[in-house]
Amino acid sequence: MPGPIESFLGEHRVAVVGVSRTRGFGNSAFRALAARGWDVVPVNAAADVVEGTRCYRRLEDVQPPPGAVLVVTPPAQAVEVLEACARLGLRKVWLQQGAESEAALRAASAHGLALVHHACILMYAAPRGVHRLHRWLHDRRARAPRPGAY
């Protein structure tokens, strides 16, 4: 059975919630995923078009619904996005570094979401250059024994 990262990356249609009208990490992720064949849907409450693509104001408006959701919002907004995901039955969620908070992690757990967190999506979906090195370091650290663990 695939883990949450593999399951997320196995989805073809991904919504990027919090993508900017102009620039930012969400836009970089949007472009990288689109360049690698994903059907990427931008979601921003204040935009009609992002990166030349129709932008949805709310996750609820995305039709057909995405199979997975990448959250690149500020932490205070991430909880609302996770609650929307739960209401809509969108279980595969990647909480990008910078969107994380204890409240968001608790919300995801409470709603039973298949959550990826503490990892950059570009390390896994688009591992080139520095992201390839970042993934290698992340994976090595995850496999390393922790003090007191046997």
N, C-alpha and C. Protein backbone atom coordinates (compact mmCIF):
# COMPACT_ATOMS: atom_id res chain seq x y z
N MET A 1 0.85 -1.18 0.00
CA MET A 1 0.00 0.00 0.00
C MET A 1 0.90 1.24 0.00
N PRO A 2 0.64 2.19 -0.90
CA PRO A 2 1.50 3.37 -0.97
C PRO A 2 1.31 4.27 0.25
N GLY A 3 2.39 4.97 0.60
CA GLY A 3 2.33 5.93 1.69
C GLY A 3 1.67 7.21 1.21
N PRO A 4 1.53 8.20 2.10
CA PRO A 4 0.83 9.44 1.74
C PRO A 4 1.51 10.21 0.59
N ILE A 5 2.83 10.20 0.52
CA ILE A 5 3.50 10.92 -0.56
C ILE A 5 3.20 10.26 -1.90
N GLU A 6 3.37 8.95 -1.96
CA GLU A 6 3.11 8.23 -3.22
C GLU A 6 1.64 8.34 -3.62
N SER A 7 0.77 8.25 -2.64
CA SER A 7 -0.66 8.37 -2.92
C SER A 7 -1.00 9.75 -3.48
N PHE A 8 -0.45 10.79 -2.87
CA PHE A 8 -0.68 12.16 -3.34
C PHE A 8 -0.16 12.31 -4.77
N LEU A 9 1.08 11.89 -4.99
CA LEU A 9 1.69 12.05 -6.31
C LEU A 9 1.03 11.18 -7.37
N GLY A 10 0.26 10.18 -6.96
CA GLY A 10 -0.46 9.34 -7.90
C GLY A 10 -1.72 9.98 -8.45
N GLU A 11 -2.11 11.11 -7.90
CA GLU A 11 -3.29 11.82 -8.39
C GLU A 11 -2.92 12.67 -9.60
N HIS A 12 -3.80 12.71 -10.57
CA HIS A 12 -3.54 13.48 -11.79
C HIS A 12 -3.96 14.95 -11.65
N ARG A 13 -5.05 15.19 -10.94
CA ARG A 13 -5.60 16.56 -10.81
C ARG A 13 -5.34 17.07 -9.40
N VAL A 14 -4.58 18.16 -9.31
CA VAL A 14 -4.18 18.71 -8.02
C VAL A 14 -4.56 20.18 -7.95
N ALA A 15 -5.24 20.56 -6.87
CA ALA A 15 -5.54 21.98 -6.62
C ALA A 15 -4.41 22.56 -5.79
N VAL A 16 -3.97 23.76 -6.16
CA VAL A 16 -2.96 24.49 -5.38
C VAL A 16 -3.69 25.66 -4.73
N VAL A 17 -3.96 25.53 -3.43
CA VAL A 17 -4.70 26.55 -2.70
C VAL A 17 -3.71 27.54 -2.09
N GLY A 18 -3.87 28.80 -2.48
CA GLY A 18 -2.98 29.85 -1.98
C GLY A 18 -1.99 30.32 -3.01
N VAL A 19 -2.13 29.85 -4.24
CA VAL A 19 -1.26 30.31 -5.32
C VAL A 19 -1.49 31.82 -5.49
N SER A 20 -0.43 32.53 -5.83
CA SER A 20 -0.50 33.99 -5.92
C SER A 20 -0.88 34.45 -7.32
N ARG A 21 -1.38 35.67 -7.41
CA ARG A 21 -1.67 36.25 -8.73
C ARG A 21 -0.39 36.59 -9.48
N THR A 22 0.70 36.76 -8.77
CA THR A 22 1.93 37.21 -9.42
C THR A 22 3.10 36.25 -9.26
N ARG A 23 3.52 36.02 -8.03
CA ARG A 23 4.69 35.16 -7.83
C ARG A 23 4.69 34.61 -6.41
N GLY A 24 5.51 33.64 -6.17
CA GLY A 24 5.62 33.03 -4.85
C GLY A 24 5.84 31.54 -4.98
N PHE A 25 5.99 30.87 -3.85
CA PHE A 25 6.25 29.44 -3.89
C PHE A 25 5.10 28.68 -4.55
N GLY A 26 3.87 29.08 -4.24
CA GLY A 26 2.72 28.40 -4.83
C GLY A 26 2.76 28.42 -6.35
N ASN A 27 3.21 29.55 -6.91
CA ASN A 27 3.34 29.66 -8.37
C ASN A 27 4.44 28.76 -8.90
N SER A 28 5.56 28.69 -8.15
CA SER A 28 6.66 27.79 -8.56
C SER A 28 6.18 26.35 -8.56
N ALA A 29 5.45 25.96 -7.51
CA ALA A 29 4.94 24.60 -7.44
C ALA A 29 3.92 24.35 -8.56
N PHE A 30 3.05 25.33 -8.80
CA PHE A 30 2.05 25.23 -9.87
C PHE A 30 2.75 24.95 -11.21
N ARG A 31 3.74 25.76 -11.53
CA ARG A 31 4.46 25.60 -12.81
C ARG A 31 5.19 24.27 -12.89
N ALA A 32 5.85 23.88 -11.81
CA ALA A 32 6.61 22.63 -11.81
C ALA A 32 5.69 21.42 -11.99
N LEU A 33 4.57 21.40 -11.30
CA LEU A 33 3.64 20.28 -11.45
C LEU A 33 3.04 20.25 -12.85
N ALA A 34 2.65 21.42 -13.37
CA ALA A 34 2.07 21.49 -14.72
C ALA A 34 3.09 21.03 -15.76
N ALA A 35 4.35 21.43 -15.59
CA ALA A 35 5.40 21.06 -16.54
C ALA A 35 5.65 19.56 -16.55
N ARG A 36 5.31 18.88 -15.47
CA ARG A 36 5.53 17.45 -15.38
C ARG A 36 4.25 16.64 -15.61
N GLY A 37 3.22 17.31 -16.15
CA GLY A 37 2.05 16.58 -16.61
C GLY A 37 0.83 16.56 -15.71
N TRP A 38 0.91 17.15 -14.54
CA TRP A 38 -0.28 17.19 -13.69
C TRP A 38 -1.28 18.20 -14.23
N ASP A 39 -2.55 17.93 -14.01
CA ASP A 39 -3.64 18.87 -14.28
C ASP A 39 -3.75 19.71 -13.01
N VAL A 40 -3.14 20.90 -13.02
CA VAL A 40 -3.03 21.72 -11.83
C VAL A 40 -4.07 22.83 -11.86
N VAL A 41 -4.79 22.99 -10.76
CA VAL A 41 -5.88 23.94 -10.66
C VAL A 41 -5.53 24.99 -9.60
N PRO A 42 -5.41 26.26 -9.98
CA PRO A 42 -5.12 27.29 -8.98
C PRO A 42 -6.36 27.70 -8.21
N VAL A 43 -6.18 27.95 -6.91
CA VAL A 43 -7.27 28.43 -6.06
C VAL A 43 -6.74 29.63 -5.27
N ASN A 44 -7.41 30.78 -5.48
CA ASN A 44 -7.06 32.02 -4.79
C ASN A 44 -8.34 32.85 -4.71
N ALA A 45 -8.71 33.24 -3.51
CA ALA A 45 -9.97 33.96 -3.30
C ALA A 45 -10.02 35.32 -3.98
N ALA A 46 -8.87 35.83 -4.43
CA ALA A 46 -8.85 37.17 -5.02
C ALA A 46 -8.38 37.20 -6.47
N ALA A 47 -8.44 36.05 -7.16
CA ALA A 47 -7.92 36.03 -8.53
C ALA A 47 -8.86 35.28 -9.47
N ASP A 48 -8.90 35.75 -10.71
CA ASP A 48 -9.67 35.07 -11.75
C ASP A 48 -8.77 34.23 -12.65
N VAL A 49 -7.51 34.66 -12.79
CA VAL A 49 -6.54 33.97 -13.64
C VAL A 49 -5.19 33.96 -12.92
N VAL A 50 -4.53 32.81 -12.93
CA VAL A 50 -3.19 32.67 -12.37
C VAL A 50 -2.37 31.86 -13.36
N GLU A 51 -1.21 32.37 -13.70
CA GLU A 51 -0.31 31.66 -14.62
C GLU A 51 -1.02 31.32 -15.93
N GLY A 52 -1.93 32.18 -16.36
CA GLY A 52 -2.65 31.97 -17.60
C GLY A 52 -3.76 30.92 -17.53
N THR A 53 -4.08 30.49 -16.33
CA THR A 53 -5.08 29.44 -16.12
C THR A 53 -6.23 30.00 -15.30
N ARG A 54 -7.45 29.58 -15.63
CA ARG A 54 -8.61 30.01 -14.83
C ARG A 54 -8.36 29.65 -13.38
N CYS A 55 -8.60 30.61 -12.50
CA CYS A 55 -8.41 30.42 -11.08
C CYS A 55 -9.76 30.37 -10.39
N TYR A 56 -9.90 29.47 -9.45
CA TYR A 56 -11.13 29.33 -8.68
C TYR A 56 -10.98 30.10 -7.38
N ARG A 57 -12.07 30.70 -6.95
CA ARG A 57 -12.06 31.50 -5.71
C ARG A 57 -12.08 30.62 -4.46
N ARG A 58 -12.76 29.46 -4.57
CA ARG A 58 -12.89 28.55 -3.43
C ARG A 58 -12.67 27.12 -3.89
N LEU A 59 -12.17 26.31 -3.02
CA LEU A 59 -11.96 24.90 -3.33
C LEU A 59 -13.28 24.24 -3.71
N GLU A 60 -14.37 24.69 -3.10
CA GLU A 60 -15.70 24.13 -3.39
C GLU A 60 -16.13 24.36 -4.83
N ASP A 61 -15.56 25.37 -5.49
CA ASP A 61 -15.94 25.72 -6.86
C ASP A 61 -15.23 24.89 -7.93
N VAL A 62 -14.18 24.19 -7.57
CA VAL A 62 -13.37 23.45 -8.55
C VAL A 62 -14.16 22.26 -9.08
N GLN A 63 -14.38 22.26 -10.39
CA GLN A 63 -15.09 21.17 -11.07
C GLN A 63 -14.34 20.76 -12.33
N PRO A 64 -14.12 19.49 -12.54
CA PRO A 64 -14.35 18.42 -11.59
C PRO A 64 -13.40 18.57 -10.40
N PRO A 65 -13.76 17.97 -9.27
CA PRO A 65 -12.94 18.12 -8.06
C PRO A 65 -11.55 17.53 -8.26
N PRO A 66 -10.57 18.08 -7.57
CA PRO A 66 -9.22 17.52 -7.66
C PRO A 66 -9.12 16.23 -6.85
N GLY A 67 -8.13 15.44 -7.16
CA GLY A 67 -7.87 14.23 -6.38
C GLY A 67 -7.01 14.51 -5.17
N ALA A 68 -6.30 15.66 -5.21
CA ALA A 68 -5.40 16.02 -4.11
C ALA A 68 -5.32 17.54 -4.02
N VAL A 69 -4.90 18.02 -2.85
CA VAL A 69 -4.83 19.46 -2.60
C VAL A 69 -3.48 19.80 -2.00
N LEU A 70 -2.79 20.75 -2.62
CA LEU A 70 -1.54 21.31 -2.09
C LEU A 70 -1.90 22.63 -1.42
N VAL A 71 -1.58 22.77 -0.13
CA VAL A 71 -1.91 23.97 0.63
C VAL A 71 -0.65 24.81 0.80
N VAL A 72 -0.68 26.03 0.25
CA VAL A 72 0.45 26.96 0.34
C VAL A 72 0.01 28.30 0.94
N THR A 73 -0.96 28.24 1.82
CA THR A 73 -1.50 29.43 2.46
C THR A 73 -0.69 29.74 3.73
N PRO A 74 -0.90 30.92 4.30
CA PRO A 74 -0.35 31.16 5.64
C PRO A 74 -0.98 30.17 6.63
N PRO A 75 -0.26 29.83 7.69
CA PRO A 75 -0.77 28.84 8.65
C PRO A 75 -2.16 29.14 9.18
N ALA A 76 -2.48 30.39 9.42
CA ALA A 76 -3.80 30.73 9.96
C ALA A 76 -4.93 30.34 9.01
N GLN A 77 -4.68 30.34 7.71
CA GLN A 77 -5.70 29.97 6.73
C GLN A 77 -5.71 28.48 6.43
N ALA A 78 -4.63 27.79 6.75
CA ALA A 78 -4.51 26.37 6.41
C ALA A 78 -5.60 25.54 7.09
N VAL A 79 -5.94 25.87 8.33
CA VAL A 79 -6.97 25.11 9.03
C VAL A 79 -8.29 25.18 8.27
N GLU A 80 -8.66 26.36 7.78
CA GLU A 80 -9.89 26.51 7.00
C GLU A 80 -9.85 25.65 5.74
N VAL A 81 -8.69 25.61 5.08
CA VAL A 81 -8.55 24.81 3.86
C VAL A 81 -8.70 23.33 4.20
N LEU A 82 -8.08 22.89 5.29
CA LEU A 82 -8.19 21.49 5.69
C LEU A 82 -9.62 21.11 6.03
N GLU A 83 -10.34 22.02 6.67
CA GLU A 83 -11.75 21.76 6.97
C GLU A 83 -12.58 21.68 5.70
N ALA A 84 -12.28 22.52 4.72
CA ALA A 84 -12.97 22.44 3.43
C ALA A 84 -12.66 21.11 2.75
N CYS A 85 -11.41 20.69 2.80
CA CYS A 85 -11.04 19.39 2.21
C CYS A 85 -11.87 18.28 2.83
N ALA A 86 -11.98 18.29 4.15
CA ALA A 86 -12.76 17.25 4.84
C ALA A 86 -14.23 17.29 4.42
N ARG A 87 -14.81 18.48 4.36
CA ARG A 87 -16.23 18.61 3.94
C ARG A 87 -16.45 18.07 2.54
N LEU A 88 -15.47 18.30 1.66
CA LEU A 88 -15.61 17.92 0.25
C LEU A 88 -15.16 16.48 -0.02
N GLY A 89 -14.66 15.81 0.99
CA GLY A 89 -14.19 14.44 0.80
C GLY A 89 -12.84 14.35 0.10
N LEU A 90 -12.07 15.43 0.14
CA LEU A 90 -10.73 15.44 -0.46
C LEU A 90 -9.74 15.01 0.62
N ARG A 91 -9.30 13.79 0.58
CA ARG A 91 -8.52 13.21 1.67
C ARG A 91 -7.02 13.40 1.51
N LYS A 92 -6.53 13.55 0.28
CA LYS A 92 -5.08 13.62 0.04
C LYS A 92 -4.64 15.08 0.04
N VAL A 93 -3.90 15.45 1.08
CA VAL A 93 -3.53 16.85 1.26
C VAL A 93 -2.04 16.94 1.56
N TRP A 94 -1.39 17.90 0.90
CA TRP A 94 0.02 18.20 1.16
C TRP A 94 0.05 19.58 1.78
N LEU A 95 0.48 19.66 3.03
CA LEU A 95 0.60 20.92 3.74
C LEU A 95 2.05 21.37 3.58
N GLN A 96 2.25 22.29 2.64
CA GLN A 96 3.60 22.73 2.30
C GLN A 96 4.26 23.41 3.49
N GLN A 97 5.56 23.23 3.58
CA GLN A 97 6.32 23.92 4.63
C GLN A 97 6.00 25.40 4.54
N GLY A 98 5.76 26.00 5.69
CA GLY A 98 5.36 27.40 5.72
C GLY A 98 3.87 27.55 5.95
N ALA A 99 3.10 26.51 5.62
CA ALA A 99 1.66 26.52 5.86
C ALA A 99 1.33 25.74 7.14
N GLU A 100 2.32 25.08 7.69
CA GLU A 100 2.13 24.20 8.83
C GLU A 100 1.93 24.97 10.13
N SER A 101 1.16 24.38 11.01
CA SER A 101 1.01 24.85 12.38
C SER A 101 0.49 23.68 13.19
N GLU A 102 0.61 23.76 14.49
CA GLU A 102 0.07 22.71 15.35
C GLU A 102 -1.44 22.58 15.15
N ALA A 103 -2.12 23.72 15.01
CA ALA A 103 -3.57 23.69 14.80
C ALA A 103 -3.92 22.99 13.50
N ALA A 104 -3.15 23.23 12.44
CA ALA A 104 -3.41 22.57 11.16
C ALA A 104 -3.17 21.07 11.25
N LEU A 105 -2.11 20.67 11.93
CA LEU A 105 -1.84 19.24 12.08
C LEU A 105 -2.94 18.56 12.89
N ARG A 106 -3.42 19.23 13.93
CA ARG A 106 -4.52 18.67 14.72
C ARG A 106 -5.80 18.56 13.88
N ALA A 107 -6.08 19.58 13.08
CA ALA A 107 -7.28 19.56 12.23
C ALA A 107 -7.21 18.42 11.23
N ALA A 108 -6.07 18.24 10.60
CA ALA A 108 -5.92 17.15 9.62
C ALA A 108 -6.12 15.80 10.29
N SER A 109 -5.56 15.63 11.46
CA SER A 109 -5.70 14.38 12.19
C SER A 109 -7.16 14.15 12.59
N ALA A 110 -7.81 15.19 13.08
CA ALA A 110 -9.20 15.08 13.52
C ALA A 110 -10.13 14.70 12.37
N HIS A 111 -9.79 15.12 11.16
CA HIS A 111 -10.63 14.84 9.98
C HIS A 111 -10.18 13.59 9.23
N GLY A 112 -9.13 12.94 9.70
CA GLY A 112 -8.67 11.71 9.07
C GLY A 112 -8.09 11.91 7.68
N LEU A 113 -7.48 13.08 7.45
CA LEU A 113 -6.89 13.35 6.13
C LEU A 113 -5.57 12.62 5.97
N ALA A 114 -5.29 12.17 4.76
CA ALA A 114 -3.99 11.57 4.43
C ALA A 114 -3.04 12.74 4.17
N LEU A 115 -2.36 13.17 5.21
CA LEU A 115 -1.59 14.41 5.18
C LEU A 115 -0.11 14.17 4.99
N VAL A 116 0.47 14.95 4.08
CA VAL A 116 1.92 15.03 3.95
C VAL A 116 2.30 16.40 4.51
N HIS A 117 3.31 16.42 5.38
CA HIS A 117 3.77 17.69 5.95
C HIS A 117 5.24 17.56 6.30
N HIS A 118 5.86 18.66 6.61
CA HIS A 118 7.29 18.73 6.90
C HIS A 118 8.12 18.23 5.71
N ALA A 119 7.63 18.45 4.51
CA ALA A 119 8.35 18.08 3.30
C ALA A 119 7.91 19.01 2.17
N CYS A 120 8.86 19.41 1.37
CA CYS A 120 8.57 20.29 0.23
C CYS A 120 8.11 19.44 -0.95
N ILE A 121 7.00 19.81 -1.55
CA ILE A 121 6.48 19.03 -2.68
C ILE A 121 7.48 18.97 -3.83
N LEU A 122 8.27 20.02 -4.00
CA LEU A 122 9.23 20.03 -5.11
C LEU A 122 10.36 19.01 -4.90
N MET A 123 10.55 18.55 -3.66
CA MET A 123 11.54 17.50 -3.42
C MET A 123 11.08 16.17 -4.01
N TYR A 124 9.78 15.99 -4.15
CA TYR A 124 9.24 14.71 -4.60
C TYR A 124 8.60 14.77 -5.97
N ALA A 125 7.90 15.85 -6.27
CA ALA A 125 7.21 15.95 -7.56
C ALA A 125 8.13 16.47 -8.65
N ALA A 126 9.13 17.25 -8.28
CA ALA A 126 10.00 17.88 -9.27
C ALA A 126 11.42 17.94 -8.75
N PRO A 127 12.02 16.80 -8.41
CA PRO A 127 13.34 16.83 -7.78
C PRO A 127 14.47 17.13 -8.76
N ARG A 128 14.70 18.42 -8.96
CA ARG A 128 15.82 18.86 -9.80
C ARG A 128 16.68 19.82 -8.99
N GLY A 129 17.94 19.87 -9.31
CA GLY A 129 18.84 20.82 -8.67
C GLY A 129 18.83 20.71 -7.16
N VAL A 130 18.63 21.85 -6.51
CA VAL A 130 18.67 21.90 -5.05
C VAL A 130 17.57 21.04 -4.42
N HIS A 131 16.45 20.86 -5.09
CA HIS A 131 15.38 20.04 -4.54
C HIS A 131 15.76 18.57 -4.49
N ARG A 132 16.58 18.12 -5.43
CA ARG A 132 17.05 16.74 -5.40
C ARG A 132 17.95 16.53 -4.18
N LEU A 133 18.85 17.48 -3.92
CA LEU A 133 19.72 17.41 -2.75
C LEU A 133 18.89 17.49 -1.47
N HIS A 134 17.92 18.38 -1.44
CA HIS A 134 17.05 18.54 -0.28
C HIS A 134 16.33 17.22 0.02
N ARG A 135 15.82 16.55 -1.00
CA ARG A 135 15.14 15.27 -0.80
C ARG A 135 16.10 14.22 -0.26
N TRP A 136 17.29 14.15 -0.82
CA TRP A 136 18.28 13.18 -0.36
C TRP A 136 18.56 13.38 1.13
N LEU A 137 18.78 14.64 1.54
CA LEU A 137 19.04 14.94 2.95
C LEU A 137 17.83 14.61 3.81
N HIS A 138 16.64 14.96 3.33
CA HIS A 138 15.40 14.67 4.07
C HIS A 138 15.23 13.17 4.28
N ASP A 139 15.43 12.39 3.23
CA ASP A 139 15.27 10.94 3.32
C ASP A 139 16.33 10.32 4.23
N ARG A 140 17.56 10.80 4.16
CA ARG A 140 18.63 10.28 5.03
C ARG A 140 18.31 10.56 6.49
N ARG A 141 17.84 11.76 6.77
CA ARG A 141 17.51 12.13 8.15
C ARG A 141 16.34 11.27 8.64
N ALA A 142 15.38 10.99 7.78
CA ALA A 142 14.22 10.18 8.18
C ALA A 142 14.62 8.75 8.50
N ARG A 143 15.66 8.23 7.83
CA ARG A 143 16.11 6.85 8.06
C ARG A 143 17.09 6.73 9.22
N ALA A 144 17.69 7.84 9.63
CA ALA A 144 18.70 7.81 10.69
C ALA A 144 18.07 7.44 12.03
N PRO A 145 18.78 6.59 12.81
CA PRO A 145 18.26 6.25 14.14
C PRO A 145 18.17 7.51 15.01
N ARG A 146 17.15 7.58 15.77
CA ARG A 146 16.97 8.72 16.69
C ARG A 146 17.52 8.33 18.05
N PRO A 147 18.08 9.29 18.78
CA PRO A 147 18.59 8.96 20.11
C PRO A 147 17.50 8.32 20.98
N GLY A 148 17.85 7.23 21.63
CA GLY A 148 16.90 6.55 22.50
C GLY A 148 15.96 5.60 21.77
N ALA A 149 16.02 5.56 20.44
CA ALA A 149 15.14 4.67 19.66
C ALA A 149 15.89 3.39 19.33
N TYR A 150 15.23 2.27 19.50
CA TYR A 150 15.87 0.97 19.20
C TYR A 150 15.03 0.18 18.26
